[in-house]
Amino acid sequence: MLIKNFKKIKEGSAMVYGIIIIGITSFVMVSLLQFVVSNFKLGFFAEPKEQSIQIAEAGVYFYRWYLGHNIEGKTMTTTQINNFWNSAVGVDDNQDGDCEDSDSSPDNYDSDNDGDIDNDDSDGTEAYVSVYKDGSGNEVGYYSICVTKPTTYFSSELTIKVTGWTKNKPNIKKSVTARIRKPSLSEYVILTNKYTKFDSNSTIYGTIHGNEGFELDNATVDNIVYSSVEDYYNGASTVDGVNGTATFNAGKVFPVQRVDFQNAVSGIHAIRAQANSDSLLFEQDEDSKFGRYINLNSDGTINISTVTGYNEKTLKYFDTENSQIKVIPNNAVLYVEGNVWIDGTLGPNKKLTIVAYDEREGYSPNIYLGDDDLLYSDSNSVLGLIAENDIRFIKGSKNKLEIDASLFALKGAVGWIEPDGAHWSTEFKSEITIFGSIASNKRINFKYSGSPDYGFSAQNIIFNAKLNETPPPMFPSKEMFEIDKWNEI
């Protein structure tokens, strides 16, 4: 009996083991089959997916060419540019974030080269759809372009979404987004049109470009330094385009293409027109012949007064009248026909450009800084200051002065520029900190050699990384469009 029971137990155990082995084998086989099928699918779909991405990328580069063909290198008024965007292909007309709505703008590009523009560039939506061909002229696939056009205050920047797909696998689509823009000149921590030198008392963080050379002696430099010349004469000898005893931690590159300052002047008229539209245009009259004093308030308003007197030796204003309060929109430009004295704190989330310019012959206004600090109230604030001539620091500047702004002297210089050296050589300032950027047509000088030196002894020039995302409104930019902020969806 005992032997029979043992045999039954043995037979039952064998059956259990057999079931377990069959189960394991089945699991392994199913997993292996799934692995094979998955790899087969991956191989089957990988090629059209990759092709779709490449087709979408080709669409981005096509639009970069399209903009260059229609806008770059041309003298266009604001009206002409607006007319272009009102009829440009692929534009999201109602700015709702997609281009699936009915296209309300006319076509203006003959995509199939048949000699007419009778709706051959669109599929009936706002999107621009085009055939993509390989190098042999064979149709490979298609791309669809949807563009968010530039805004009034940031007229050199647009975003683009391109979806690509192949002819053989039209249901497999891939999209990329990108920013296409003319880089703002505020993206250099220092940009000069003339030879400029900084010494060991200078700390500079950000990209530097000198059209006619740059010298850095023992200064702290952590970014690339560019020059548009191979070499230049510094008054004593011929030296490299970028030279000096500084340690160039990120390297130096020269020669490179010049940055055109004259191109910046062409946009001033548009700023004036926009300021007039926003009721922020302050024209010169007999009572305001010296200019305006602007005090920025952290609540988002400004106080602007007429300057009725200033000291031509110290550059400091001493009398004002007709003060008024202006509420500044989140994006705004303010235009003054005359000099500007400015200080205070820019309100949160405010992006403002202030221009001191006079298009009439015989006038060339300056911007004066230093009576008090010029600050941001939060990290989202951006301020641009554009002077037709110089951006100067008054004789009575604070000993430790901070300026949060992008400074641009279109025809003159940024710095410690005294009208009469005999009155300034006794002025010793401890430190100046500029958080933003500097663009100067003429040589930058914050300190002069004397017995002892005078001016700002230490200079801290620190790039505001916010400027890479958002430059000051309508700030001057380069001529050529570039593609960045690329993202695959």
Protein backbone atom coordinates (compact mmCIF):
# COMPACT_ATOMS: atom_id res chain seq x y z
CA MET A 1 0.00 0.00 0.00
CA LEU A 2 2.78 2.28 0.97
CA ILE A 3 4.63 1.52 -2.28
CA LYS A 4 1.52 2.29 -4.36
CA ASN A 5 1.04 5.64 -2.61
CA PHE A 6 4.70 6.50 -3.19
CA LYS A 7 4.35 5.76 -6.91
CA LYS A 8 1.27 8.01 -7.10
CA ILE A 9 3.15 10.83 -5.34
CA LYS A 10 6.07 10.40 -7.71
CA GLU A 11 3.83 10.48 -10.76
CA GLY A 12 2.03 13.63 -9.46
CA SER A 13 5.31 15.42 -8.84
CA ALA A 14 6.49 14.66 -12.36
CA MET A 15 3.27 16.10 -13.73
CA VAL A 16 3.72 19.30 -11.69
CA TYR A 17 7.30 19.67 -12.89
CA GLY A 18 6.16 19.11 -16.44
CA ILE A 19 3.52 21.81 -16.15
CA ILE A 20 6.07 24.22 -14.68
CA ILE A 21 8.55 23.51 -17.49
CA ILE A 22 5.84 23.94 -20.13
CA GLY A 23 4.79 27.25 -18.48
CA ILE A 24 8.34 28.59 -18.36
CA THR A 25 8.97 27.49 -21.93
CA SER A 26 5.75 29.14 -23.09
CA PHE A 27 6.61 32.37 -21.26
CA VAL A 28 10.08 32.46 -22.80
CA MET A 29 8.72 31.68 -26.27
CA VAL A 30 5.99 34.34 -26.01
CA SER A 31 8.51 36.90 -24.75
CA LEU A 32 10.91 35.98 -27.52
CA LEU A 33 8.12 36.26 -30.07
CA GLN A 34 7.10 39.66 -28.68
CA PHE A 35 10.73 40.79 -28.82
CA VAL A 36 11.03 39.67 -32.44
CA VAL A 37 7.73 41.34 -33.38
CA SER A 38 8.73 44.56 -31.56
CA ASN A 39 12.05 44.69 -33.36
CA PHE A 40 10.31 44.00 -36.61
CA LYS A 41 7.90 46.87 -35.98
CA LEU A 42 10.77 49.10 -34.92
CA GLY A 43 12.64 48.31 -38.08
CA PHE A 44 9.49 48.71 -40.12
CA PHE A 45 8.63 52.15 -38.70
CA ALA A 46 12.09 53.50 -37.82
CA GLU A 47 12.98 54.49 -41.35
CA PRO A 48 9.77 56.47 -42.12
CA LYS A 49 9.97 58.11 -38.67
CA GLU A 50 13.53 59.23 -39.29
CA GLN A 51 12.63 60.36 -42.80
CA SER A 52 9.67 62.30 -41.42
CA ILE A 53 11.92 64.13 -38.96
CA GLN A 54 14.37 65.00 -41.73
CA ILE A 55 11.54 66.22 -43.94
CA ALA A 56 10.25 68.42 -41.09
CA GLU A 57 13.76 69.83 -40.59
CA ALA A 58 13.92 70.62 -44.31
CA GLY A 59 10.70 72.62 -43.88
CA VAL A 60 12.32 74.74 -41.15
CA TYR A 61 15.29 75.51 -43.37
CA PHE A 62 12.99 76.27 -46.27
CA TYR A 63 11.25 78.94 -44.18
CA ARG A 64 14.59 80.38 -43.14
CA TRP A 65 15.40 80.72 -46.87
CA TYR A 66 11.94 82.15 -47.55
CA LEU A 67 12.47 84.91 -44.97
CA GLY A 68 15.94 85.68 -46.29
CA HIS A 69 14.57 85.88 -49.83
CA ASN A 70 11.79 88.31 -48.86
CA ILE A 71 13.13 90.38 -45.95
CA GLU A 72 16.89 90.15 -45.37
CA GLY A 73 19.07 92.88 -46.76
CA LYS A 74 16.13 95.00 -47.84
CA THR A 75 15.21 98.48 -46.65
CA MET A 76 11.60 97.99 -45.60
CA THR A 77 9.25 100.26 -43.71
CA THR A 78 7.14 98.97 -40.86
CA THR A 79 4.13 99.03 -43.18
CA GLN A 80 5.94 96.92 -45.77
CA ILE A 81 7.00 94.38 -43.16
CA ASN A 82 3.45 94.19 -41.79
CA ASN A 83 2.13 93.69 -45.33
CA PHE A 84 4.59 90.85 -45.82
CA TRP A 85 3.43 89.05 -42.67
CA ASN A 86 -0.22 89.59 -43.58
CA SER A 87 0.34 87.61 -46.78
CA ALA A 88 3.23 85.30 -45.83
CA VAL A 89 2.68 81.58 -46.32
CA GLY A 90 2.02 79.30 -43.36
CA VAL A 91 1.05 82.05 -40.92
CA ASP A 92 -1.41 81.23 -38.16
CA ASP A 93 -3.83 84.04 -39.06
CA ASN A 94 -5.88 84.06 -35.86
CA GLN A 95 -2.94 83.13 -33.61
CA ASP A 96 -4.84 80.26 -31.95
CA GLY A 97 -1.82 77.97 -31.87
CA ASP A 98 -2.64 75.80 -34.87
CA CYS A 99 -3.11 76.22 -38.60
CA GLU A 100 -6.13 74.03 -39.16
CA ASP A 101 -8.52 76.93 -39.71
CA SER A 102 -9.50 78.28 -43.09
CA ASP A 103 -6.74 80.40 -44.59
CA SER A 104 -7.78 84.06 -44.72
CA SER A 105 -4.60 85.40 -46.30
CA PRO A 106 -3.71 85.31 -50.02
CA ASP A 107 -0.87 83.16 -51.29
CA ASN A 108 2.25 84.96 -52.42
CA TYR A 109 4.64 82.15 -53.21
CA ASP A 110 4.59 80.00 -56.35
CA SER A 111 5.59 76.67 -54.81
CA ASP A 112 5.03 74.55 -57.91
CA ASN A 113 6.72 77.03 -60.27
CA ASP A 114 3.77 77.14 -62.65
CA GLY A 115 3.88 80.91 -63.01
CA ASP A 116 0.87 81.73 -60.87
CA ILE A 117 -0.07 81.86 -57.20
CA ASP A 118 -3.68 80.70 -57.45
CA ASN A 119 -3.90 78.84 -54.14
CA ASP A 120 -1.30 76.27 -55.14
CA ASP A 121 0.57 76.87 -51.90
CA SER A 122 -2.12 75.76 -49.47
CA ASP A 123 -4.42 72.86 -48.70
CA GLY A 124 -7.20 75.24 -47.69
CA THR A 125 -5.92 75.75 -44.14
CA GLU A 126 -3.50 78.35 -42.82
CA ALA A 127 -0.71 75.81 -43.00
CA TYR A 128 1.69 75.86 -45.92
CA VAL A 129 1.97 72.33 -47.33
CA SER A 130 4.71 71.48 -49.81
CA VAL A 131 6.13 68.44 -51.56
CA TYR A 132 9.60 67.38 -50.44
CA LYS A 133 11.85 65.97 -53.16
CA ASP A 134 15.19 64.25 -52.95
CA GLY A 135 18.32 65.27 -54.86
CA SER A 136 17.13 63.40 -57.94
CA GLY A 137 13.79 65.20 -58.02
CA ASN A 138 11.77 62.25 -56.74
CA GLU A 139 8.85 62.96 -54.41
CA VAL A 140 9.77 61.58 -51.00
CA GLY A 141 7.15 63.16 -48.75
CA TYR A 142 5.52 66.36 -47.57
CA TYR A 143 5.85 69.00 -44.86
CA SER A 144 3.28 71.31 -43.33
CA ILE A 145 4.40 74.65 -41.88
CA CYS A 146 2.59 76.64 -39.18
CA VAL A 147 4.11 79.98 -38.16
CA THR A 148 3.42 82.23 -35.20
CA LYS A 149 4.43 85.57 -36.69
CA PRO A 150 6.41 88.27 -34.87
CA THR A 151 4.70 90.67 -32.50
CA THR A 152 4.92 94.46 -32.66
CA TYR A 153 7.52 94.81 -29.91
CA PHE A 154 9.57 91.76 -30.87
CA SER A 155 9.43 92.13 -34.63
CA SER A 156 12.53 90.08 -35.41
CA GLU A 157 11.42 86.79 -33.84
CA LEU A 158 8.94 84.10 -34.85
CA THR A 159 8.21 80.51 -33.90
CA ILE A 160 7.59 77.75 -36.40
CA LYS A 161 6.14 74.24 -36.20
CA VAL A 162 6.78 71.89 -39.11
CA THR A 163 5.24 68.43 -39.49
CA GLY A 164 6.79 66.00 -41.95
CA TRP A 165 5.66 62.64 -43.37
CA THR A 166 6.69 60.30 -46.15
CA LYS A 167 4.77 59.53 -49.31
CA ASN A 168 4.74 55.79 -48.58
CA LYS A 169 3.76 56.02 -44.89
CA PRO A 170 1.58 59.15 -44.65
CA ASN A 171 0.17 58.21 -41.23
CA ILE A 172 3.61 58.30 -39.59
CA LYS A 173 4.21 61.98 -38.89
CA LYS A 174 6.88 63.78 -36.86
CA SER A 175 7.02 67.46 -35.89
CA VAL A 176 9.73 69.90 -34.90
CA THR A 177 9.46 73.40 -33.48
CA ALA A 178 12.07 76.13 -33.71
CA ARG A 179 12.63 79.82 -33.14
CA ILE A 180 13.76 81.88 -36.13
CA ARG A 181 15.06 85.34 -35.31
CA LYS A 182 17.47 88.11 -35.99
CA PRO A 183 19.65 87.99 -32.86
CA SER A 184 19.37 91.13 -30.76
CA LEU A 185 22.49 93.22 -30.26
CA SER A 186 21.72 93.03 -26.54
CA GLU A 187 23.00 89.44 -26.58
CA TYR A 188 26.63 90.59 -26.32
CA VAL A 189 27.72 91.66 -22.88
CA ILE A 190 30.03 94.11 -24.70
CA LEU A 191 29.77 95.12 -28.35
CA THR A 192 32.02 97.89 -29.67
CA ASN A 193 32.57 99.46 -33.05
CA LYS A 194 35.98 100.87 -32.02
CA TYR A 195 39.03 99.40 -30.32
CA THR A 196 38.40 99.03 -26.57
CA LYS A 197 40.54 97.96 -23.61
CA PHE A 198 39.77 96.65 -20.12
CA ASP A 199 42.31 95.96 -17.38
CA SER A 200 42.71 93.90 -14.21
CA ASN A 201 40.02 95.90 -12.38
CA SER A 202 37.40 94.56 -14.80
CA THR A 203 35.24 91.49 -14.34
CA ILE A 204 33.27 90.59 -17.45
CA TYR A 205 30.78 87.72 -17.82
CA GLY A 206 29.34 87.25 -21.29
CA THR A 207 30.22 87.21 -24.97
CA ILE A 208 32.39 90.10 -26.21
CA HIS A 209 32.70 91.42 -29.77
CA GLY A 210 34.91 94.22 -31.04
CA ASN A 211 34.60 95.37 -34.65
CA GLU A 212 38.06 96.96 -34.52
CA GLY A 213 39.83 94.91 -31.88
CA PHE A 214 39.69 94.19 -28.18
CA GLU A 215 42.38 94.18 -25.47
CA LEU A 216 42.02 92.56 -22.06
CA ASP A 217 44.91 92.90 -19.62
CA ASN A 218 44.58 90.60 -16.59
CA ALA A 219 40.81 91.02 -16.63
CA THR A 220 38.54 88.14 -15.64
CA VAL A 221 37.04 86.78 -18.88
CA ASP A 222 34.95 83.60 -18.93
CA ASN A 223 33.31 83.79 -22.38
CA ILE A 224 34.43 83.89 -26.00
CA VAL A 225 35.93 87.15 -27.24
CA TYR A 226 35.43 87.99 -30.93
CA SER A 227 37.06 90.55 -33.18
CA SER A 228 36.26 91.49 -36.76
CA VAL A 229 39.89 92.25 -37.60
CA GLU A 230 42.94 90.01 -37.85
CA ASP A 231 45.10 92.70 -36.25
CA TYR A 232 45.09 96.42 -35.51
CA TYR A 233 47.35 99.25 -34.38
CA ASN A 234 46.77 100.09 -30.70
CA GLY A 235 48.78 103.32 -30.71
CA ALA A 236 52.11 101.64 -30.00
CA SER A 237 52.29 98.52 -32.13
CA THR A 238 50.29 96.16 -34.32
CA VAL A 239 48.59 93.47 -32.23
CA ASP A 240 46.18 90.58 -32.75
CA GLY A 241 42.49 91.29 -33.15
CA VAL A 242 41.94 89.96 -29.61
CA ASN A 243 44.97 90.42 -27.37
CA GLY A 244 46.17 91.10 -23.85
CA THR A 245 47.46 89.28 -20.82
CA ALA A 246 44.08 87.97 -19.69
CA THR A 247 43.42 84.24 -19.49
CA PHE A 248 40.84 83.57 -22.16
CA ASN A 249 39.05 80.63 -20.54
CA ALA A 250 36.54 80.20 -23.39
CA GLY A 251 38.89 81.21 -26.19
CA LYS A 252 39.14 84.04 -28.69
CA VAL A 253 38.00 84.03 -32.31
CA PHE A 254 39.11 86.47 -35.03
CA PRO A 255 38.51 87.67 -37.62
CA VAL A 256 34.73 87.30 -37.84
CA GLN A 257 32.02 89.26 -39.62
CA ARG A 258 31.43 92.85 -38.48
CA VAL A 259 28.29 93.80 -36.61
CA ASP A 260 26.61 96.65 -38.46
CA PHE A 261 25.83 99.62 -36.21
CA GLN A 262 24.26 101.60 -39.04
CA ASN A 263 21.57 98.93 -39.36
CA ALA A 264 20.50 99.80 -35.82
CA VAL A 265 19.72 103.39 -36.80
CA SER A 266 17.19 102.25 -39.41
CA GLY A 267 14.82 100.94 -36.73
CA ILE A 268 14.59 104.19 -34.74
CA HIS A 269 11.81 105.64 -36.88
CA ALA A 270 9.67 102.57 -36.19
CA ILE A 271 10.26 102.99 -32.44
CA ARG A 272 9.18 106.62 -32.66
CA ALA A 273 5.98 105.67 -34.50
CA GLN A 274 5.15 102.97 -31.95
CA ALA A 275 5.84 105.29 -29.02
CA ASN A 276 3.51 107.84 -30.58
CA SER A 277 0.83 105.15 -30.92
CA ASP A 278 1.26 104.27 -27.23
CA SER A 279 1.18 107.93 -26.11
CA LEU A 280 4.80 107.63 -24.98
CA LEU A 281 6.32 110.09 -27.46
CA PHE A 282 7.75 113.26 -25.88
CA GLU A 283 8.64 115.81 -28.53
CA GLN A 284 10.99 118.71 -27.99
CA ASP A 285 9.66 122.23 -27.67
CA GLU A 286 11.08 125.49 -26.31
CA ASP A 287 10.31 124.49 -22.72
CA SER A 288 11.88 121.01 -23.02
CA LYS A 289 15.00 121.85 -25.03
CA PHE A 290 17.27 120.24 -22.42
CA GLY A 291 15.35 116.96 -22.30
CA ARG A 292 13.45 114.88 -19.73
CA TYR A 293 14.08 113.31 -16.33
CA ILE A 294 12.54 109.84 -15.94
CA ASN A 295 12.11 108.12 -12.60
CA LEU A 296 11.00 104.48 -12.78
CA ASN A 297 8.67 103.24 -10.05
CA SER A 298 8.45 99.65 -8.83
CA ASP A 299 4.64 99.75 -9.18
CA GLY A 300 4.97 99.82 -12.98
CA THR A 301 4.55 103.57 -13.44
CA ILE A 302 7.06 106.27 -14.32
CA ASN A 303 7.39 109.90 -13.40
CA ILE A 304 8.55 112.00 -16.33
CA SER A 305 9.46 115.68 -15.97
CA THR A 306 10.77 118.43 -18.22
CA VAL A 307 14.36 119.42 -17.43
CA THR A 308 14.61 123.20 -17.42
CA GLY A 309 18.25 123.46 -16.38
CA TYR A 310 21.41 121.37 -16.03
CA ASN A 311 25.07 121.91 -15.30
CA GLU A 312 27.06 121.51 -18.51
CA LYS A 313 30.24 120.74 -16.54
CA THR A 314 28.86 118.07 -14.21
CA LEU A 315 26.03 116.93 -16.54
CA LYS A 316 23.63 116.89 -13.60
CA TYR A 317 20.13 118.36 -13.98
CA PHE A 318 19.12 120.89 -11.30
CA ASP A 319 15.60 121.98 -12.18
CA THR A 320 12.48 120.24 -13.53
CA GLU A 321 8.82 121.03 -14.07
CA ASN A 322 5.58 119.60 -15.47
CA SER A 323 5.94 116.21 -13.83
CA GLN A 324 3.43 113.60 -14.98
CA ILE A 325 2.80 109.95 -14.18
CA LYS A 326 2.57 107.37 -16.94
CA VAL A 327 1.44 103.77 -16.60
CA ILE A 328 3.79 101.53 -18.58
CA PRO A 329 2.32 98.49 -20.39
CA ASN A 330 4.13 95.18 -19.95
CA ASN A 331 5.75 95.76 -23.37
CA ALA A 332 6.47 99.34 -24.36
CA VAL A 333 8.81 101.79 -26.07
CA LEU A 334 9.27 105.41 -24.95
CA TYR A 335 10.78 108.04 -27.22
CA VAL A 336 12.22 111.40 -26.10
CA GLU A 337 13.36 114.14 -28.49
CA GLY A 338 16.19 115.34 -26.30
CA ASN A 339 18.48 114.25 -23.48
CA VAL A 340 17.30 111.76 -20.86
CA TRP A 341 18.27 111.53 -17.19
CA ILE A 342 17.02 108.28 -15.67
CA ASP A 343 17.06 106.29 -12.43
CA GLY A 344 14.70 104.24 -10.26
CA THR A 345 13.33 100.69 -10.28
CA LEU A 346 11.53 99.11 -13.23
CA GLY A 347 8.28 97.39 -12.20
CA PRO A 348 7.75 93.61 -12.26
CA ASN A 349 7.31 91.90 -15.64
CA LYS A 350 7.91 95.19 -17.46
CA LYS A 351 9.84 95.20 -20.72
CA LEU A 352 10.68 98.73 -21.73
CA THR A 353 12.96 100.48 -24.22
CA ILE A 354 13.70 104.19 -23.81
CA VAL A 355 15.18 106.14 -26.73
CA ALA A 356 16.81 109.58 -26.63
CA TYR A 357 16.91 110.62 -30.27
CA ASP A 358 16.15 113.58 -32.50
CA GLU A 359 15.85 113.05 -36.23
CA ARG A 360 16.29 116.77 -36.90
CA GLU A 361 19.66 117.94 -38.15
CA GLY A 362 21.93 119.49 -35.53
CA TYR A 363 20.60 117.51 -32.56
CA SER A 364 22.21 114.44 -31.00
CA PRO A 365 20.79 113.65 -27.54
CA ASN A 366 22.56 111.80 -24.72
CA ILE A 367 21.39 109.61 -21.84
CA TYR A 368 22.76 110.49 -18.39
CA LEU A 369 23.10 107.96 -15.56
CA GLY A 370 24.51 107.83 -12.07
CA ASP A 371 22.42 110.17 -9.87
CA ASP A 372 21.01 106.96 -8.35
CA ASP A 373 20.87 103.25 -9.14
CA LEU A 374 18.77 101.90 -12.00
CA LEU A 375 17.35 98.53 -10.96
CA TYR A 376 14.92 95.72 -11.79
CA SER A 377 12.17 94.81 -9.35
CA ASP A 378 12.16 91.16 -10.49
CA SER A 379 14.00 88.76 -12.79
CA ASN A 380 11.40 89.16 -15.56
CA SER A 381 12.06 92.87 -16.07
CA VAL A 382 14.04 94.04 -19.12
CA LEU A 383 15.16 97.61 -19.84
CA GLY A 384 16.84 98.99 -22.96
CA LEU A 385 18.39 102.47 -23.17
CA ILE A 386 19.27 103.79 -26.63
CA ALA A 387 21.00 107.16 -27.08
CA GLU A 388 21.58 108.79 -30.43
CA ASN A 389 24.94 110.03 -29.15
CA ASP A 390 26.50 109.07 -25.77
CA ILE A 391 25.41 107.27 -22.62
CA ARG A 392 27.29 109.17 -19.93
CA PHE A 393 27.73 109.01 -16.16
CA ILE A 394 27.42 112.33 -14.37
CA LYS A 395 30.23 113.74 -12.27
CA GLY A 396 28.25 113.27 -9.07
CA SER A 397 27.56 109.57 -9.67
CA LYS A 398 27.10 107.26 -6.69
CA ASN A 399 30.35 105.83 -5.39
CA LYS A 400 29.03 102.29 -5.91
CA LEU A 401 26.64 102.44 -8.81
CA GLU A 402 24.45 99.65 -10.23
CA ILE A 403 22.78 99.86 -13.62
CA ASP A 404 20.39 97.08 -14.70
CA ALA A 405 19.86 97.68 -18.41
CA SER A 406 21.01 97.10 -21.96
CA LEU A 407 22.90 100.25 -23.00
CA PHE A 408 23.28 101.28 -26.65
CA ALA A 409 25.15 104.39 -27.85
CA LEU A 410 24.28 104.52 -31.56
CA LYS A 411 26.73 107.19 -32.69
CA GLY A 412 28.74 107.90 -29.54
CA ALA A 413 30.18 106.00 -26.59
CA VAL A 414 29.19 104.46 -23.27
CA GLY A 415 31.22 105.49 -20.25
CA TRP A 416 32.81 108.15 -18.11
CA ILE A 417 32.88 110.94 -20.67
CA GLU A 418 33.73 114.32 -19.21
CA PRO A 419 33.04 117.55 -21.12
CA ASP A 420 36.05 119.20 -19.48
CA GLY A 421 38.84 116.98 -18.15
CA ALA A 422 40.09 119.62 -15.74
CA HIS A 423 36.87 119.37 -13.74
CA TRP A 424 36.75 115.57 -13.68
CA SER A 425 40.25 114.36 -12.85
CA THR A 426 39.55 114.63 -9.11
CA GLU A 427 36.49 112.37 -9.30
CA PHE A 428 37.20 108.93 -7.85
CA LYS A 429 34.47 106.31 -7.86
CA SER A 430 34.78 102.93 -6.22
CA GLU A 431 32.78 100.61 -8.44
CA ILE A 432 30.26 100.32 -11.24
CA THR A 433 28.17 97.21 -11.88
CA ILE A 434 26.22 96.85 -15.10
CA PHE A 435 23.80 93.92 -15.20
CA GLY A 436 22.69 93.63 -18.81
CA SER A 437 24.75 94.56 -21.87
CA ILE A 438 26.69 97.38 -23.53
CA ALA A 439 26.81 98.34 -27.21
CA SER A 440 28.98 101.35 -28.00
CA ASN A 441 29.84 102.87 -31.37
CA LYS A 442 32.95 104.55 -29.99
CA ARG A 443 35.46 103.32 -27.44
CA ILE A 444 34.15 102.40 -23.99
CA ASN A 445 35.88 104.04 -21.01
CA PHE A 446 34.88 103.84 -17.36
CA LYS A 447 38.27 104.81 -15.97
CA TYR A 448 41.11 107.10 -17.04
CA SER A 449 44.77 107.06 -16.17
CA GLY A 450 46.01 109.95 -14.09
CA SER A 451 47.81 110.72 -10.87
CA PRO A 452 45.98 108.80 -9.45
CA ASP A 453 43.48 107.16 -11.84
CA TYR A 454 40.01 108.66 -11.89
CA GLY A 455 36.56 107.40 -12.83
CA PHE A 456 35.17 104.03 -11.72
CA SER A 457 38.05 102.04 -10.27
CA ALA A 458 36.36 98.63 -10.57
CA GLN A 459 34.01 97.60 -13.35
CA ASN A 460 31.70 94.58 -13.12
CA ILE A 461 29.93 93.96 -16.42
CA ILE A 462 27.61 90.97 -16.11
CA PHE A 463 25.40 89.62 -18.87
CA ASN A 464 21.72 89.20 -18.02
CA ALA A 465 20.81 85.74 -19.35
CA LYS A 466 17.18 86.87 -19.64
CA LEU A 467 18.27 88.77 -22.75
CA ASN A 468 18.79 85.48 -24.60
CA GLU A 469 15.07 84.82 -24.23
CA THR A 470 13.62 88.33 -24.30
CA PRO A 471 15.54 91.37 -25.56
CA PRO A 472 14.25 94.87 -24.81
CA PRO A 473 11.27 95.73 -27.07
CA MET A 474 12.24 96.75 -30.62
CA PHE A 475 15.93 96.69 -29.66
CA PRO A 476 18.35 96.76 -32.64
CA SER A 477 19.24 93.36 -34.08
CA LYS A 478 21.49 91.75 -36.66
CA GLU A 479 20.45 91.59 -40.30
CA MET A 480 20.46 87.82 -40.82
CA PHE A 481 17.89 85.33 -39.52
CA GLU A 482 19.16 82.43 -37.41
CA ILE A 483 17.50 79.24 -36.18
CA ASP A 484 17.65 78.16 -32.53
CA LYS A 485 15.62 76.61 -29.69
CA TRP A 486 15.11 73.49 -31.78
CA ASN A 487 12.78 70.86 -30.31
CA GLU A 488 11.48 67.54 -31.64
CA ILE A 489 7.87 66.79 -30.72
